[in-house]
Amino acid sequence: MRKTGILFLAFVFVCGMLFAGGGGQRDTATTDGEFRFERTITWIVPWAAGGATDTQTRMLASLVEPQLGVSINVINAPGGGGIVGFTQLMNSRPDGYTFSSATPSMLMYKYTTRTAPQHISYDMVDWVATFSANPTVIAVPAESQFRTVNDMINHARANPGSVRIGNSGLGSTYHASILYMGARTGTRFNIIPYEGGGPAAIAAGGGHVEAFLGALIESFSLFQAGRLRLLAIATDQRDPLVPDVPTMREMNAPDLINSFCAVLVARGTPEGAKNALERAVRNATSSPEWRQFAQEARFSLFNISGQELHDYLMSIDDMLAEFGDLF
């Protein structure tokens, strides 16, 4: 009888722990439905330390951290053009304690991994909010014969393959933008990949390629130094940083994919955790500290979420689908 009573009490204790703690995991939802973070968050950066995404993520994390009330540990997981870090997020426990930064290159995986052992797609995770944007530009050496983006396109159409365009690498969104521009204008450009946008911009500034297509932030210092001339920028309106540079739309040229940074979580993450993160990012990106940082780092303010972000991602995917077979 005594043994039976002890077993019964043990059973009650275990059941109580399971119901109260979710099988060993504490319930982090408060009585009003809000999500309460209670331990350190891991924030993955799928690229090496020191790059634009890394520095922006670390600054953002420092502003988000006090709002969520817990520490955030930013780690770098580079490799495979971001695939290593993206996969790490996909395989993480969807409990609200793992974030990852992202760029539009992750929308490319849907097409670039179709024949890979593991096919992955941008919609296998949850996109919470964007936190910055880096407008795409087309630049040429200062002494180039091309005075407008249409000069470059017309020359390439008349002389297929003669215009070498440097970009940050095969499978990048800048690679996609060159293919898209070529498909839309009936031209064939000679795509020259480099290990990053910085080296590609330097190559153009040195006259090793006829043009550069990449982020404004990667070419701005060479533009200031008089080594590059900016032909066009892929924004809806002219950028205050380079007000004399026309938009692609002004030149009746095809739109290009602009780079941006966003924060993701694993599919199945509690809605309360995603809502809390979305609010924290919105507050952080509207703060004076973030605005000052954006001005110094020369990137644009860009914060969208929810349906607006979903529609934005779909518009990019629609563009990629037109020529996804080329990757």
Protein backbone atom coordinates (compact mmCIF):
# COMPACT_ATOMS: atom_id res chain seq x y z
CA MET A 1 0.00 0.00 0.00
CA ARG A 2 2.82 2.34 0.93
CA LYS A 3 4.58 1.55 -2.37
CA THR A 4 1.38 2.19 -4.33
CA GLY A 5 0.92 5.57 -2.64
CA ILE A 6 4.46 6.64 -3.46
CA LEU A 7 4.01 5.66 -7.12
CA PHE A 8 0.73 7.57 -7.28
CA LEU A 9 2.35 10.74 -5.86
CA ALA A 10 5.22 10.41 -8.33
CA PHE A 11 2.72 10.09 -11.19
CA VAL A 12 0.85 13.20 -10.05
CA PHE A 13 4.12 15.13 -9.78
CA VAL A 14 5.25 14.19 -13.30
CA CYS A 15 1.85 15.03 -14.80
CA GLY A 16 1.88 18.36 -13.04
CA MET A 17 5.30 19.17 -14.48
CA LEU A 18 4.17 18.23 -17.99
CA PHE A 19 1.02 20.35 -17.89
CA ALA A 20 2.67 23.31 -16.17
CA GLY A 21 5.86 23.30 -18.15
CA GLY A 22 4.87 21.99 -21.57
CA GLY A 23 6.97 18.85 -21.22
CA GLY A 24 9.91 20.58 -19.58
CA GLN A 25 9.63 23.92 -21.43
CA ARG A 26 8.27 26.82 -19.44
CA ASP A 27 5.18 28.54 -20.76
CA THR A 28 6.24 32.06 -21.78
CA ALA A 29 2.76 33.38 -22.54
CA THR A 30 1.33 35.72 -19.92
CA THR A 31 -2.32 35.75 -18.87
CA ASP A 32 -3.09 38.61 -21.29
CA GLY A 33 -1.68 36.67 -24.26
CA GLU A 34 1.59 38.58 -24.48
CA PHE A 35 4.80 36.62 -24.98
CA ARG A 36 7.39 36.99 -22.24
CA PHE A 37 10.98 36.20 -23.19
CA GLU A 38 12.81 34.52 -20.31
CA ARG A 39 16.22 33.46 -21.60
CA THR A 40 18.95 34.47 -24.04
CA ILE A 41 17.98 34.80 -27.72
CA THR A 42 20.29 33.62 -30.51
CA TRP A 43 20.35 35.89 -33.57
CA ILE A 44 21.98 34.28 -36.62
CA VAL A 45 23.79 36.30 -39.28
CA PRO A 46 24.26 33.97 -42.28
CA TRP A 47 27.32 35.88 -43.49
CA ALA A 48 30.77 36.68 -42.14
CA ALA A 49 31.42 39.27 -39.45
CA GLY A 50 32.11 42.83 -40.53
CA GLY A 51 29.77 43.05 -43.53
CA ALA A 52 26.82 45.41 -43.85
CA THR A 53 24.24 42.83 -42.72
CA ASP A 54 26.38 41.89 -39.71
CA THR A 55 26.99 45.45 -38.52
CA GLN A 56 23.35 46.43 -39.00
CA THR A 57 22.15 43.31 -37.17
CA ARG A 58 24.41 43.96 -34.19
CA MET A 59 23.24 47.56 -33.91
CA LEU A 60 19.60 46.51 -34.20
CA ALA A 61 20.04 43.77 -31.62
CA SER A 62 21.40 46.31 -29.14
CA LEU A 63 18.20 48.37 -29.57
CA VAL A 64 15.82 45.40 -29.51
CA GLU A 65 17.43 43.75 -26.49
CA PRO A 66 16.11 46.13 -23.79
CA GLN A 67 12.61 45.97 -25.26
CA LEU A 68 12.47 42.18 -25.03
CA GLY A 69 14.09 42.18 -21.61
CA VAL A 70 16.66 39.44 -22.29
CA SER A 71 20.15 39.19 -23.76
CA ILE A 72 20.65 38.63 -27.48
CA ASN A 73 23.66 36.66 -28.69
CA VAL A 74 24.51 37.50 -32.31
CA ILE A 75 26.41 34.70 -34.05
CA ASN A 76 27.80 34.39 -37.58
CA ALA A 77 27.03 31.26 -39.62
CA PRO A 78 28.49 31.98 -43.07
CA GLY A 79 28.64 29.63 -46.02
CA GLY A 80 26.81 28.71 -49.20
CA GLY A 81 25.69 32.24 -49.94
CA GLY A 82 23.70 32.33 -46.70
CA ILE A 83 22.31 28.78 -47.00
CA VAL A 84 24.21 27.51 -43.95
CA GLY A 85 22.66 30.10 -41.63
CA PHE A 86 19.24 29.83 -43.27
CA THR A 87 19.23 26.06 -42.78
CA GLN A 88 20.33 26.50 -39.19
CA LEU A 89 17.26 28.66 -38.58
CA MET A 90 14.99 26.18 -40.39
CA ASN A 91 16.21 23.39 -38.13
CA SER A 92 16.00 25.39 -34.91
CA ARG A 93 13.30 24.85 -32.31
CA PRO A 94 10.35 27.18 -33.11
CA ASP A 95 10.10 28.54 -29.58
CA GLY A 96 10.81 32.22 -30.23
CA TYR A 97 14.42 32.13 -29.09
CA THR A 98 16.17 31.99 -32.49
CA PHE A 99 16.15 34.85 -34.99
CA SER A 100 18.03 35.24 -38.25
CA SER A 101 18.84 38.15 -40.50
CA ALA A 102 18.07 37.82 -44.20
CA THR A 103 18.52 39.56 -47.53
CA PRO A 104 16.75 39.07 -50.89
CA SER A 105 19.38 36.50 -51.87
CA MET A 106 17.36 34.04 -49.80
CA LEU A 107 14.51 34.35 -52.27
CA MET A 108 16.89 32.86 -54.84
CA TYR A 109 17.15 29.52 -53.01
CA LYS A 110 13.77 28.49 -54.39
CA TYR A 111 15.40 28.38 -57.83
CA THR A 112 19.08 27.69 -57.15
CA THR A 113 18.45 24.60 -54.97
CA ARG A 114 15.83 22.91 -57.15
CA THR A 115 18.24 20.13 -58.15
CA ALA A 116 20.10 20.04 -54.83
CA PRO A 117 19.73 17.12 -52.36
CA GLN A 118 17.72 19.44 -50.11
CA HIS A 119 15.45 21.92 -51.85
CA ILE A 120 14.84 24.98 -49.71
CA SER A 121 12.67 28.04 -50.24
CA TYR A 122 12.28 31.44 -48.65
CA ASP A 123 8.73 30.57 -47.55
CA MET A 124 9.89 27.71 -45.32
CA VAL A 125 10.44 30.24 -42.53
CA ASP A 126 8.47 33.23 -41.22
CA TRP A 127 9.56 36.71 -42.30
CA VAL A 128 8.80 39.13 -39.48
CA ALA A 129 9.97 42.60 -40.54
CA THR A 130 12.53 44.47 -42.62
CA PHE A 131 14.94 46.86 -40.98
CA SER A 132 17.01 48.50 -43.74
CA ALA A 133 17.40 48.87 -47.48
CA ASN A 134 20.38 49.33 -49.76
CA PRO A 135 19.32 50.74 -53.14
CA THR A 136 20.73 49.05 -56.22
CA VAL A 137 22.69 51.19 -58.69
CA ILE A 138 24.37 50.82 -62.05
CA ALA A 139 27.77 52.49 -62.18
CA VAL A 140 30.48 52.78 -64.82
CA PRO A 141 34.10 53.95 -64.77
CA ALA A 142 34.37 57.74 -64.68
CA GLU A 143 35.84 57.81 -68.22
CA SER A 144 33.20 55.45 -69.68
CA GLN A 145 31.58 56.20 -73.01
CA PHE A 146 28.19 55.47 -71.46
CA ARG A 147 26.48 58.62 -70.22
CA THR A 148 23.12 57.00 -69.42
CA VAL A 149 21.89 53.52 -68.60
CA ASN A 150 20.17 53.42 -71.99
CA ASP A 151 23.53 54.10 -73.70
CA MET A 152 24.85 50.97 -71.99
CA ILE A 153 21.79 48.87 -72.87
CA ASN A 154 21.78 49.98 -76.51
CA HIS A 155 25.49 49.22 -76.88
CA ALA A 156 25.04 45.77 -75.34
CA ARG A 157 22.10 45.04 -77.65
CA ALA A 158 24.16 45.96 -80.70
CA ASN A 159 27.23 44.13 -79.40
CA PRO A 160 26.07 41.05 -77.44
CA GLY A 161 28.41 40.08 -74.60
CA SER A 162 30.62 43.15 -74.99
CA VAL A 163 29.46 44.86 -71.79
CA ARG A 164 30.97 43.16 -68.75
CA ILE A 165 29.01 43.85 -65.58
CA GLY A 166 30.66 43.11 -62.25
CA ASN A 167 28.47 41.90 -59.40
CA SER A 168 28.73 40.26 -55.97
CA GLY A 169 28.49 36.67 -57.21
CA LEU A 170 26.51 34.06 -59.09
CA GLY A 171 23.14 33.35 -57.51
CA SER A 172 22.94 36.78 -55.86
CA THR A 173 20.03 39.14 -56.37
CA TYR A 174 22.38 41.38 -58.35
CA HIS A 175 23.09 38.47 -60.67
CA ALA A 176 19.31 38.09 -60.98
CA SER A 177 18.90 41.79 -61.73
CA ILE A 178 21.38 41.61 -64.61
CA LEU A 179 19.52 38.62 -66.08
CA TYR A 180 16.21 40.40 -65.63
CA MET A 181 17.47 43.57 -67.31
CA GLY A 182 18.83 41.53 -70.19
CA ALA A 183 15.60 39.57 -70.62
CA ARG A 184 13.47 42.72 -70.52
CA THR A 185 15.60 44.63 -73.04
CA GLY A 186 16.62 41.81 -75.36
CA THR A 187 20.31 42.15 -74.57
CA ARG A 188 23.05 39.79 -73.42
CA PHE A 189 25.45 41.10 -70.82
CA ASN A 190 28.70 39.44 -69.84
CA ILE A 191 28.20 38.71 -66.13
CA ILE A 192 31.44 38.85 -64.12
CA PRO A 193 31.06 37.53 -60.54
CA TYR A 194 33.31 38.70 -57.72
CA GLU A 195 33.69 37.68 -54.07
CA GLY A 196 31.43 40.47 -52.86
CA GLY A 197 30.09 43.79 -54.07
CA GLY A 198 33.10 45.75 -52.82
CA PRO A 199 35.60 44.00 -55.10
CA ALA A 200 33.15 44.28 -58.02
CA ALA A 201 32.85 48.04 -57.52
CA ILE A 202 36.64 48.38 -57.30
CA ALA A 203 37.00 46.42 -60.53
CA ALA A 204 34.64 48.82 -62.29
CA GLY A 205 36.43 51.82 -60.82
CA GLY A 206 39.68 50.44 -62.22
CA GLY A 207 38.22 49.87 -65.68
CA HIS A 208 38.46 46.06 -65.51
CA VAL A 209 34.75 45.75 -66.35
CA GLU A 210 32.45 48.11 -68.23
CA ALA A 211 29.92 48.44 -65.41
CA PHE A 212 29.01 47.57 -61.84
CA LEU A 213 25.58 46.53 -60.63
CA GLY A 214 25.18 46.38 -56.86
CA ALA A 215 24.39 48.30 -53.71
CA LEU A 216 24.85 52.04 -53.54
CA ILE A 217 26.67 51.60 -50.23
CA GLU A 218 29.31 49.45 -51.97
CA SER A 219 30.06 52.00 -54.68
CA PHE A 220 29.50 55.31 -52.90
CA SER A 221 33.09 55.93 -51.78
CA LEU A 222 34.38 55.33 -55.33
CA PHE A 223 31.68 57.65 -56.64
CA GLN A 224 32.79 60.32 -54.16
CA ALA A 225 36.41 59.80 -55.20
CA GLY A 226 35.51 60.40 -58.84
CA ARG A 227 36.35 56.88 -59.98
CA LEU A 228 32.79 55.79 -60.72
CA ARG A 229 29.87 57.53 -62.37
CA LEU A 230 26.38 56.45 -61.31
CA LEU A 231 24.03 55.97 -64.26
CA ALA A 232 20.82 55.04 -62.45
CA ILE A 233 19.35 53.96 -59.15
CA ALA A 234 16.54 51.43 -58.62
CA THR A 235 14.31 53.41 -56.28
CA ASP A 236 10.83 54.87 -56.73
CA GLN A 237 12.19 58.38 -56.23
CA ARG A 238 15.66 59.87 -56.39
CA ASP A 239 17.80 59.16 -53.36
CA PRO A 240 18.71 62.24 -51.27
CA LEU A 241 22.24 60.87 -50.96
CA VAL A 242 22.73 61.08 -54.75
CA PRO A 243 20.01 63.51 -55.92
CA ASP A 244 21.48 63.96 -59.41
CA VAL A 245 21.24 60.25 -60.26
CA PRO A 246 18.04 59.38 -62.17
CA THR A 247 15.91 56.38 -61.29
CA MET A 248 15.59 53.42 -63.63
CA ARG A 249 11.94 54.35 -64.12
CA GLU A 250 12.87 57.88 -65.18
CA MET A 251 15.04 56.33 -67.87
CA ASN A 252 12.25 53.90 -68.89
CA ALA A 253 14.59 51.04 -67.98
CA PRO A 254 13.58 47.81 -66.19
CA ASP A 255 13.31 47.87 -62.41
CA LEU A 256 16.02 46.06 -60.48
CA ILE A 257 15.89 44.18 -57.18
CA ASN A 258 16.92 46.36 -54.27
CA SER A 259 18.74 44.77 -51.39
CA PHE A 260 17.23 44.91 -47.93
CA CYS A 261 17.70 43.30 -44.53
CA ALA A 262 14.95 41.50 -42.63
CA VAL A 263 14.57 39.37 -39.54
CA LEU A 264 13.20 35.82 -39.71
CA VAL A 265 12.07 33.14 -37.28
CA ALA A 266 11.44 29.42 -37.67
CA ARG A 267 8.10 28.29 -39.06
CA GLY A 268 5.75 27.54 -36.15
CA THR A 269 7.15 30.19 -33.80
CA PRO A 270 4.41 31.42 -31.40
CA GLU A 271 2.47 34.40 -32.75
CA GLY A 272 3.08 36.25 -29.49
CA ALA A 273 6.83 36.00 -29.96
CA LYS A 274 6.61 37.20 -33.56
CA ASN A 275 4.37 40.12 -32.58
CA ALA A 276 6.76 41.14 -29.81
CA LEU A 277 9.72 41.01 -32.19
CA GLU A 278 7.85 42.99 -34.86
CA ARG A 279 7.01 45.75 -32.35
CA ALA A 280 10.57 45.83 -31.06
CA VAL A 281 12.02 46.16 -34.56
CA ARG A 282 9.51 48.87 -35.46
CA ASN A 283 10.39 50.85 -32.34
CA ALA A 284 14.12 50.35 -32.85
CA THR A 285 14.13 51.43 -36.50
CA SER A 286 12.18 54.61 -35.70
CA SER A 287 14.57 55.61 -32.90
CA PRO A 288 17.01 58.54 -33.19
CA GLU A 289 19.89 56.13 -32.61
CA TRP A 290 18.97 54.00 -35.62
CA ARG A 291 18.39 57.02 -37.85
CA GLN A 292 21.80 58.40 -36.96
CA PHE A 293 23.38 55.00 -37.59
CA ALA A 294 21.65 54.77 -41.00
CA GLN A 295 22.95 58.18 -41.98
CA GLU A 296 26.51 57.32 -41.00
CA ALA A 297 26.42 53.85 -42.62
CA ARG A 298 24.64 55.22 -45.71
CA PHE A 299 21.71 52.83 -45.91
CA SER A 300 18.01 53.66 -46.23
CA LEU A 301 15.31 53.36 -43.59
CA PHE A 302 12.92 50.56 -44.53
CA ASN A 303 10.55 48.88 -42.10
CA ILE A 304 7.58 46.87 -43.34
CA SER A 305 5.89 43.79 -41.91
CA GLY A 306 2.73 41.70 -42.07
CA GLN A 307 0.76 41.68 -45.31
CA GLU A 308 2.84 44.49 -46.78
CA LEU A 309 6.01 42.45 -46.36
CA HIS A 310 4.31 39.32 -47.74
CA ASP A 311 3.19 41.20 -50.86
CA TYR A 312 6.66 42.71 -51.30
CA LEU A 313 8.31 39.28 -51.18
CA MET A 314 5.76 37.91 -53.63
CA SER A 315 6.50 40.73 -56.08
CA ILE A 316 10.20 39.83 -56.03
CA ASP A 317 9.42 36.13 -56.41
CA ASP A 318 7.19 36.90 -59.41
CA MET A 319 10.11 38.75 -60.99
CA LEU A 320 12.50 35.85 -60.33
CA ALA A 321 10.02 33.31 -61.68
CA GLU A 322 10.19 34.91 -65.13
CA PHE A 323 13.73 33.69 -65.63
CA GLY A 324 14.32 31.18 -62.83
CA ASP A 325 15.31 28.55 -65.38
CA LEU A 326 18.48 30.55 -66.15
CA PHE A 327 20.00 29.86 -62.73
